[in-house]
PDB file of all heavy atoms in Angstrom:
ATOM      1  N   ARG A   1     121.775  -9.871  47.775  1.00  0.00           N
ATOM      2  CA  ARG A   1     122.731 -10.272  46.745  1.00  0.00           C
ATOM      3  C   ARG A   1     123.895  -9.381  46.669  1.00  0.00           C
ATOM      4  O   ARG A   1     125.028  -9.660  46.414  1.00  0.00           O
ATOM      5  CB  ARG A   1     121.946 -10.347  45.421  1.00  0.00           C
ATOM      6  CG  ARG A   1     122.866 -10.806  44.284  1.00  0.00           C
ATOM      7  CD  ARG A   1     122.053 -10.792  42.910  1.00  0.00           C
ATOM      8  NE  ARG A   1     122.887 -11.147  41.802  1.00  0.00           N
ATOM      9  CZ  ARG A   1     122.419 -11.197  40.579  1.00  0.00           C
ATOM     10  NH1 ARG A   1     121.281 -10.702  40.341  1.00  0.00           N
ATOM     11  NH2 ARG A   1     123.254 -11.547  39.607  1.00  0.00           N
ATOM     12  N   PHE A   2     123.577  -8.006  46.964  1.00  0.00           N
ATOM     13  CA  PHE A   2     124.643  -7.038  46.927  1.00  0.00           C
ATOM     14  C   PHE A   2     124.790  -6.524  48.396  1.00  0.00           C
ATOM     15  O   PHE A   2     124.184  -5.611  48.879  1.00  0.00           O
ATOM     16  CB  PHE A   2     124.239  -5.856  46.107  1.00  0.00           C
ATOM     17  CG  PHE A   2     123.808  -6.314  44.774  1.00  0.00           C
ATOM     18  CD1 PHE A   2     122.505  -6.000  44.313  1.00  0.00           C
ATOM     19  CD2 PHE A   2     124.505  -7.082  43.958  1.00  0.00           C
ATOM     20  CE1 PHE A   2     122.037  -6.409  43.117  1.00  0.00           C
ATOM     21  CE2 PHE A   2     123.998  -7.447  42.721  1.00  0.00           C
ATOM     22  CZ  PHE A   2     122.746  -7.189  42.260  1.00  0.00           C
ATOM     23  N   PRO A   3     125.734  -7.146  49.187  1.00  0.00           N
ATOM     24  CA  PRO A   3     125.826  -6.778  50.599  1.00  0.00           C
ATOM     25  C   PRO A   3     126.328  -5.400  50.774  1.00  0.00           C
ATOM     26  O   PRO A   3     127.258  -4.950  50.032  1.00  0.00           O
ATOM     27  CB  PRO A   3     126.892  -7.867  51.169  1.00  0.00           C
ATOM     28  CG  PRO A   3     127.690  -8.312  49.920  1.00  0.00           C
ATOM     29  CD  PRO A   3     126.707  -8.276  48.770  1.00  0.00           C
ATOM     30  N   PHE A   4     125.722  -4.653  51.684  1.00  0.00           N
ATOM     31  CA  PHE A   4     126.078  -3.333  51.993  1.00  0.00           C
ATOM     32  C   PHE A   4     125.841  -2.933  53.389  1.00  0.00           C
ATOM     33  O   PHE A   4     125.174  -3.736  54.076  1.00  0.00           O
ATOM     34  CB  PHE A   4     125.487  -2.289  51.077  1.00  0.00           C
ATOM     35  CG  PHE A   4     123.934  -2.363  51.081  1.00  0.00           C
ATOM     36  CD1 PHE A   4     123.216  -1.739  52.081  1.00  0.00           C
ATOM     37  CD2 PHE A   4     123.209  -3.015  50.049  1.00  0.00           C
ATOM     38  CE1 PHE A   4     121.832  -1.853  52.060  1.00  0.00           C
ATOM     39  CE2 PHE A   4     121.880  -3.092  50.051  1.00  0.00           C
ATOM     40  CZ  PHE A   4     121.144  -2.469  51.071  1.00  0.00           C
ATOM     41  N   ARG A   5     126.346  -1.902  53.925  1.00  0.00           N
ATOM     42  CA  ARG A   5     125.955  -1.412  55.229  1.00  0.00           C
ATOM     43  C   ARG A   5     125.526   0.070  55.045  1.00  0.00           C
ATOM     44  O   ARG A   5     125.833   0.710  54.121  1.00  0.00           O
ATOM     45  CB  ARG A   5     127.097  -1.619  56.165  1.00  0.00           C
ATOM     46  CG  ARG A   5     128.339  -0.713  55.747  1.00  0.00           C
ATOM     47  CD  ARG A   5     129.389  -0.780  56.873  1.00  0.00           C
ATOM     48  NE  ARG A   5     130.616  -0.043  56.583  1.00  0.00           N
ATOM     49  CZ  ARG A   5     131.513   0.361  57.459  1.00  0.00           C
ATOM     50  NH1 ARG A   5     131.244   0.138  58.813  1.00  0.00           N
ATOM     51  NH2 ARG A   5     132.617   0.959  57.089  1.00  0.00           N
ATOM     52  N   VAL A   6     124.757   0.506  56.043  1.00  0.00           N
ATOM     53  CA  VAL A   6     124.308   1.849  56.074  1.00  0.00           C
ATOM     54  C   VAL A   6     125.330   2.780  56.822  1.00  0.00           C
ATOM     55  O   VAL A   6     125.676   2.497  57.951  1.00  0.00           O
ATOM     56  CB  VAL A   6     122.947   1.995  56.812  1.00  0.00           C
ATOM     57  CG1 VAL A   6     122.495   3.421  56.841  1.00  0.00           C
ATOM     58  CG2 VAL A   6     121.956   1.119  56.112  1.00  0.00           C
ATOM     59  N   LEU A   7     125.784   3.777  56.154  1.00  0.00           N
ATOM     60  CA  LEU A   7     126.722   4.670  56.787  1.00  0.00           C
ATOM     61  C   LEU A   7     125.970   5.775  57.655  1.00  0.00           C
ATOM     62  O   LEU A   7     126.505   6.319  58.607  1.00  0.00           O
ATOM     63  CB  LEU A   7     127.628   5.329  55.661  1.00  0.00           C
ATOM     64  CG  LEU A   7     128.545   4.531  55.000  1.00  0.00           C
ATOM     65  CD1 LEU A   7     129.437   5.258  53.974  1.00  0.00           C
ATOM     66  CD2 LEU A   7     129.481   3.774  55.950  1.00  0.00           C
ATOM     67  N   GLY A   8     124.854   6.205  57.142  1.00  0.00           N
ATOM     68  CA  GLY A   8     124.110   7.222  57.815  1.00  0.00           C
ATOM     69  C   GLY A   8     123.036   7.831  57.056  1.00  0.00           C
ATOM     70  O   GLY A   8     122.825   7.438  55.831  1.00  0.00           O
ATOM     71  N   GLU A   9     122.299   8.857  57.618  1.00  0.00           N
ATOM     72  CA  GLU A   9     121.207   9.562  56.935  1.00  0.00           C
ATOM     73  C   GLU A   9     121.289  11.040  57.194  1.00  0.00           C
ATOM     74  O   GLU A   9     121.755  11.456  58.221  1.00  0.00           O
ATOM     75  CB  GLU A   9     119.821   8.968  57.397  1.00  0.00           C
ATOM     76  CG  GLU A   9     119.615   7.503  57.116  1.00  0.00           C
ATOM     77  CD  GLU A   9     118.238   7.029  57.640  1.00  0.00           C
ATOM     78  OE1 GLU A   9     117.709   7.774  58.497  1.00  0.00           O
ATOM     79  OE2 GLU A   9     117.762   5.948  57.247  1.00  0.00           O
ATOM     80  N   ILE A  10     120.860  11.791  56.218  1.00  0.00           N
ATOM     81  CA  ILE A  10     120.859  13.277  56.397  1.00  0.00           C
ATOM     82  C   ILE A  10     119.471  13.753  55.886  1.00  0.00           C
ATOM     83  O   ILE A  10     118.859  13.076  55.067  1.00  0.00           O
ATOM     84  CB  ILE A  10     121.952  14.022  55.700  1.00  0.00           C
ATOM     85  CG1 ILE A  10     121.876  13.784  54.134  1.00  0.00           C
ATOM     86  CG2 ILE A  10     123.280  13.621  56.237  1.00  0.00           C
ATOM     87  CD1 ILE A  10     122.750  14.632  53.357  1.00  0.00           C
ATOM     88  N   PRO A  11     119.027  14.957  56.327  1.00  0.00           N
ATOM     89  CA  PRO A  11     117.714  15.538  55.801  1.00  0.00           C
ATOM     90  C   PRO A  11     117.899  16.028  54.423  1.00  0.00           C
ATOM     91  O   PRO A  11     118.984  16.543  54.036  1.00  0.00           O
ATOM     92  CB  PRO A  11     117.506  16.565  56.808  1.00  0.00           C
ATOM     93  CG  PRO A  11     118.692  17.035  57.461  1.00  0.00           C
ATOM     94  CD  PRO A  11     119.580  15.757  57.445  1.00  0.00           C
ATOM     95  N   ILE A  12     116.780  15.923  53.611  1.00  0.00           N
ATOM     96  CA  ILE A  12     116.760  16.644  52.308  1.00  0.00           C
ATOM     97  C   ILE A  12     116.041  17.938  52.596  1.00  0.00           C
ATOM     98  O   ILE A  12     115.079  18.053  53.213  1.00  0.00           O
ATOM     99  CB  ILE A  12     115.883  15.772  51.357  1.00  0.00           C
ATOM    100  CG1 ILE A  12     116.551  14.431  51.050  1.00  0.00           C
ATOM    101  CG2 ILE A  12     115.583  16.520  50.117  1.00  0.00           C
ATOM    102  CD1 ILE A  12     117.762  14.541  50.201  1.00  0.00           C
ATOM    103  N   TYR A  13     116.641  18.979  51.930  1.00  0.00           N
ATOM    104  CA  TYR A  13     116.034  20.277  52.104  1.00  0.00           C
ATOM    105  C   TYR A  13     114.800  20.525  51.342  1.00  0.00           C
ATOM    106  O   TYR A  13     114.506  19.754  50.359  1.00  0.00           O
ATOM    107  CB  TYR A  13     117.078  21.373  51.713  1.00  0.00           C
ATOM    108  CG  TYR A  13     118.186  21.621  52.769  1.00  0.00           C
ATOM    109  CD1 TYR A  13     119.220  20.782  52.881  1.00  0.00           C
ATOM    110  CD2 TYR A  13     118.005  22.732  53.672  1.00  0.00           C
ATOM    111  CE1 TYR A  13     120.162  20.864  53.876  1.00  0.00           C
ATOM    112  CE2 TYR A  13     119.005  22.828  54.690  1.00  0.00           C
ATOM    113  CZ  TYR A  13     120.024  21.939  54.774  1.00  0.00           C
ATOM    114  OH  TYR A  13     121.065  22.225  55.657  1.00  0.00           O
ATOM    115  N   PRO A  14     113.872  21.487  51.653  1.00  0.00           N
ATOM    116  CA  PRO A  14     112.612  21.561  50.984  1.00  0.00           C
ATOM    117  C   PRO A  14     112.720  21.685  49.443  1.00  0.00           C
ATOM    118  O   PRO A  14     111.786  21.226  48.710  1.00  0.00           O
ATOM    119  CB  PRO A  14     111.995  22.851  51.614  1.00  0.00           C
ATOM    120  CG  PRO A  14     112.561  22.907  52.987  1.00  0.00           C
ATOM    121  CD  PRO A  14     113.999  22.372  52.771  1.00  0.00           C
ATOM    122  N   ASP A  15     113.793  22.361  48.920  1.00  0.00           N
ATOM    123  CA  ASP A  15     113.953  22.489  47.476  1.00  0.00           C
ATOM    124  C   ASP A  15     114.535  21.137  46.922  1.00  0.00           C
ATOM    125  O   ASP A  15     114.765  21.181  45.611  1.00  0.00           O
ATOM    126  CB  ASP A  15     114.793  23.640  47.136  1.00  0.00           C
ATOM    127  CG  ASP A  15     116.239  23.513  47.621  1.00  0.00           C
ATOM    128  OD1 ASP A  15     116.513  22.602  48.411  1.00  0.00           O
ATOM    129  OD2 ASP A  15     117.159  24.342  47.167  1.00  0.00           O
ATOM    130  N   GLY A  16     114.756  20.171  47.611  1.00  0.00           N
ATOM    131  CA  GLY A  16     115.244  18.889  47.144  1.00  0.00           C
ATOM    132  C   GLY A  16     116.783  18.765  47.119  1.00  0.00           C
ATOM    133  O   GLY A  16     117.365  17.762  46.664  1.00  0.00           O
ATOM    134  N   SER A  17     117.504  19.808  47.688  1.00  0.00           N
ATOM    135  CA  SER A  17     118.954  19.825  47.620  1.00  0.00           C
ATOM    136  C   SER A  17     119.543  19.044  48.869  1.00  0.00           C
ATOM    137  O   SER A  17     118.845  18.970  49.898  1.00  0.00           O
ATOM    138  CB  SER A  17     119.497  21.126  47.535  1.00  0.00           C
ATOM    139  OG  SER A  17     119.159  21.956  48.667  1.00  0.00           O
ATOM    140  N   PHE A  18     120.774  18.682  48.738  1.00  0.00           N
ATOM    141  CA  PHE A  18     121.552  18.234  49.830  1.00  0.00           C
ATOM    142  C   PHE A  18     123.018  18.431  49.622  1.00  0.00           C
ATOM    143  O   PHE A  18     123.522  18.492  48.444  1.00  0.00           O
ATOM    144  CB  PHE A  18     121.223  16.740  50.236  1.00  0.00           C
ATOM    145  CG  PHE A  18     121.695  15.774  49.124  1.00  0.00           C
ATOM    146  CD1 PHE A  18     123.017  15.306  49.071  1.00  0.00           C
ATOM    147  CD2 PHE A  18     120.759  15.311  48.242  1.00  0.00           C
ATOM    148  CE1 PHE A  18     123.454  14.487  48.123  1.00  0.00           C
ATOM    149  CE2 PHE A  18     121.210  14.394  47.204  1.00  0.00           C
ATOM    150  CZ  PHE A  18     122.487  13.935  47.182  1.00  0.00           C
ATOM    151  N   GLN A  19     123.858  18.428  50.609  1.00  0.00           N
ATOM    152  CA  GLN A  19     125.268  18.276  50.568  1.00  0.00           C
ATOM    153  C   GLN A  19     125.792  17.471  51.776  1.00  0.00           C
ATOM    154  O   GLN A  19     125.292  17.781  52.861  1.00  0.00           O
ATOM    155  CB  GLN A  19     125.979  19.659  50.329  1.00  0.00           C
ATOM    156  CG  GLN A  19     125.929  20.527  51.545  1.00  0.00           C
ATOM    157  CD  GLN A  19     126.972  21.689  51.329  1.00  0.00           C
ATOM    158  OE1 GLN A  19     127.929  21.512  50.635  1.00  0.00           O
ATOM    159  NE2 GLN A  19     126.735  22.758  52.026  1.00  0.00           N
ATOM    160  N   VAL A  20     126.819  16.743  51.592  1.00  0.00           N
ATOM    161  CA  VAL A  20     127.225  15.889  52.639  1.00  0.00           C
ATOM    162  C   VAL A  20     128.683  15.460  52.443  1.00  0.00           C
ATOM    163  O   VAL A  20     129.073  15.221  51.255  1.00  0.00           O
ATOM    164  CB  VAL A  20     126.317  14.578  52.847  1.00  0.00           C
ATOM    165  CG1 VAL A  20     126.304  13.816  51.575  1.00  0.00           C
ATOM    166  CG2 VAL A  20     126.800  13.797  54.005  1.00  0.00           C
ATOM    167  N   GLU A  21     129.477  15.275  53.459  1.00  0.00           N
ATOM    168  CA  GLU A  21     130.857  14.718  53.317  1.00  0.00           C
ATOM    169  C   GLU A  21     130.723  13.218  53.521  1.00  0.00           C
ATOM    170  O   GLU A  21     130.095  12.705  54.477  1.00  0.00           O
ATOM    171  CB  GLU A  21     131.827  15.344  54.313  1.00  0.00           C
ATOM    172  CG  GLU A  21     132.182  16.837  54.003  1.00  0.00           C
ATOM    173  CD  GLU A  21     133.220  17.402  54.963  1.00  0.00           C
ATOM    174  OE1 GLU A  21     133.760  16.556  55.742  1.00  0.00           O
ATOM    175  OE2 GLU A  21     133.490  18.564  54.853  1.00  0.00           O
ATOM    176  N   VAL A  22     131.279  12.450  52.627  1.00  0.00           N
ATOM    177  CA  VAL A  22     131.206  10.989  52.665  1.00  0.00           C
ATOM    178  C   VAL A  22     132.671  10.409  52.556  1.00  0.00           C
ATOM    179  O   VAL A  22     133.593  11.074  52.063  1.00  0.00           O
ATOM    180  CB  VAL A  22     130.315  10.444  51.521  1.00  0.00           C
ATOM    181  CG1 VAL A  22     128.927  10.928  51.699  1.00  0.00           C
ATOM    182  CG2 VAL A  22     130.903  10.892  50.235  1.00  0.00           C
ATOM    183  N   PRO A  23     132.839   9.176  53.020  1.00  0.00           N
ATOM    184  CA  PRO A  23     134.183   8.539  52.892  1.00  0.00           C
ATOM    185  C   PRO A  23     134.663   8.413  51.376  1.00  0.00           C
ATOM    186  O   PRO A  23     133.764   8.260  50.537  1.00  0.00           O
ATOM    187  CB  PRO A  23     133.961   7.196  53.472  1.00  0.00           C
ATOM    188  CG  PRO A  23     132.754   7.218  54.316  1.00  0.00           C
ATOM    189  CD  PRO A  23     131.837   8.284  53.632  1.00  0.00           C
ATOM    190  N   SER A  24     135.904   8.659  51.171  1.00  0.00           N
ATOM    191  CA  SER A  24     136.472   8.557  49.887  1.00  0.00           C
ATOM    192  C   SER A  24     136.956   7.209  49.637  1.00  0.00           C
ATOM    193  O   SER A  24     137.267   6.403  50.410  1.00  0.00           O
ATOM    194  CB  SER A  24     137.685   9.597  49.759  1.00  0.00           C
ATOM    195  OG  SER A  24     138.646   9.278  50.668  1.00  0.00           O
ATOM    196  N   ASP A  25     136.973   6.919  48.261  1.00  0.00           N
ATOM    197  CA  ASP A  25     137.527   5.677  47.754  1.00  0.00           C
ATOM    198  C   ASP A  25     136.876   4.442  48.275  1.00  0.00           C
ATOM    199  O   ASP A  25     137.512   3.401  48.614  1.00  0.00           O
ATOM    200  CB  ASP A  25     139.009   5.562  47.939  1.00  0.00           C
ATOM    201  CG  ASP A  25     139.760   6.587  47.038  1.00  0.00           C
ATOM    202  OD1 ASP A  25     139.505   6.697  45.818  1.00  0.00           O
ATOM    203  OD2 ASP A  25     140.624   7.357  47.544  1.00  0.00           O
ATOM    204  N   VAL A  26     135.505   4.561  48.395  1.00  0.00           N
ATOM    205  CA  VAL A  26     134.772   3.224  48.809  1.00  0.00           C
ATOM    206  C   VAL A  26     133.465   3.330  47.876  1.00  0.00           C
ATOM    207  O   VAL A  26     132.964   4.384  47.482  1.00  0.00           O
ATOM    208  CB  VAL A  26     134.291   3.330  50.256  1.00  0.00           C
ATOM    209  CG1 VAL A  26     135.485   3.148  51.115  1.00  0.00           C
ATOM    210  CG2 VAL A  26     133.408   4.479  50.651  1.00  0.00           C
ATOM    211  N   PRO A  27     132.952   2.175  47.428  1.00  0.00           N
ATOM    212  CA  PRO A  27     131.695   2.166  46.621  1.00  0.00           C
ATOM    213  C   PRO A  27     130.528   2.592  47.454  1.00  0.00           C
ATOM    214  O   PRO A  27     130.263   2.058  48.560  1.00  0.00           O
ATOM    215  CB  PRO A  27     131.669   0.695  46.270  1.00  0.00           C
ATOM    216  CG  PRO A  27     132.407  -0.042  47.122  1.00  0.00           C
ATOM    217  CD  PRO A  27     133.531   0.813  47.631  1.00  0.00           C
ATOM    218  N   LEU A  28     129.814   3.638  46.997  1.00  0.00           N
ATOM    219  CA  LEU A  28     128.599   4.162  47.703  1.00  0.00           C
ATOM    220  C   LEU A  28     127.391   4.074  46.826  1.00  0.00           C
ATOM    221  O   LEU A  28     127.457   3.985  45.585  1.00  0.00           O
ATOM    222  CB  LEU A  28     128.911   5.618  47.997  1.00  0.00           C
ATOM    223  CG  LEU A  28     130.137   5.966  48.801  1.00  0.00           C
ATOM    224  CD1 LEU A  28     130.319   7.582  48.900  1.00  0.00           C
ATOM    225  CD2 LEU A  28     129.935   5.465  50.234  1.00  0.00           C
ATOM    226  N   ALA A  29     126.264   4.155  47.510  1.00  0.00           N
ATOM    227  CA  ALA A  29     124.953   4.309  46.809  1.00  0.00           C
ATOM    228  C   ALA A  29     124.054   5.101  47.684  1.00  0.00           C
ATOM    229  O   ALA A  29     124.270   5.229  48.847  1.00  0.00           O
ATOM    230  CB  ALA A  29     124.249   2.957  46.520  1.00  0.00           C
ATOM    231  N   LEU A  30     123.024   5.743  47.065  1.00  0.00           N
ATOM    232  CA  LEU A  30     122.155   6.586  47.803  1.00  0.00           C
ATOM    233  C   LEU A  30     120.717   6.133  47.731  1.00  0.00           C
ATOM    234  O   LEU A  30     120.291   5.626  46.704  1.00  0.00           O
ATOM    235  CB  LEU A  30     122.164   8.053  47.227  1.00  0.00           C
ATOM    236  CG  LEU A  30     123.603   8.664  47.136  1.00  0.00           C
ATOM    237  CD1 LEU A  30     123.465  10.003  46.499  1.00  0.00           C
ATOM    238  CD2 LEU A  30     124.277   8.745  48.546  1.00  0.00           C
ATOM    239  N   GLN A  31     119.951   6.221  48.766  1.00  0.00           N
ATOM    240  CA  GLN A  31     118.521   5.965  48.777  1.00  0.00           C
ATOM    241  C   GLN A  31     117.722   7.239  49.236  1.00  0.00           C
ATOM    242  O   GLN A  31     118.211   7.904  50.144  1.00  0.00           O
ATOM    243  CB  GLN A  31     118.186   4.861  49.772  1.00  0.00           C
ATOM    244  CG  GLN A  31     118.748   3.462  49.472  1.00  0.00           C
ATOM    245  CD  GLN A  31     118.280   2.321  50.385  1.00  0.00           C
ATOM    246  OE1 GLN A  31     117.992   2.642  51.513  1.00  0.00           O
ATOM    247  NE2 GLN A  31     118.333   1.114  49.886  1.00  0.00           N
ATOM    248  N   LEU A  32     116.600   7.479  48.536  1.00  0.00           N
ATOM    249  CA  LEU A  32     115.694   8.585  48.870  1.00  0.00           C
ATOM    250  C   LEU A  32     114.561   8.027  49.764  1.00  0.00           C
ATOM    251  O   LEU A  32     113.938   7.086  49.351  1.00  0.00           O
ATOM    252  CB  LEU A  32     115.158   9.152  47.598  1.00  0.00           C
ATOM    253  CG  LEU A  32     116.224   9.854  46.695  1.00  0.00           C
ATOM    254  CD1 LEU A  32     115.460  10.437  45.453  1.00  0.00           C
ATOM    255  CD2 LEU A  32     117.122  10.867  47.429  1.00  0.00           C
TER     256      LEU A  32
END
């Protein structure tokens, strides 16, 4: 119902943190 595409995946660090550069000015969502 909500069409999307996968941009990519990165690892989560052991403490649960992450940082990543993502495209600007596009609608994004995150999955764990």
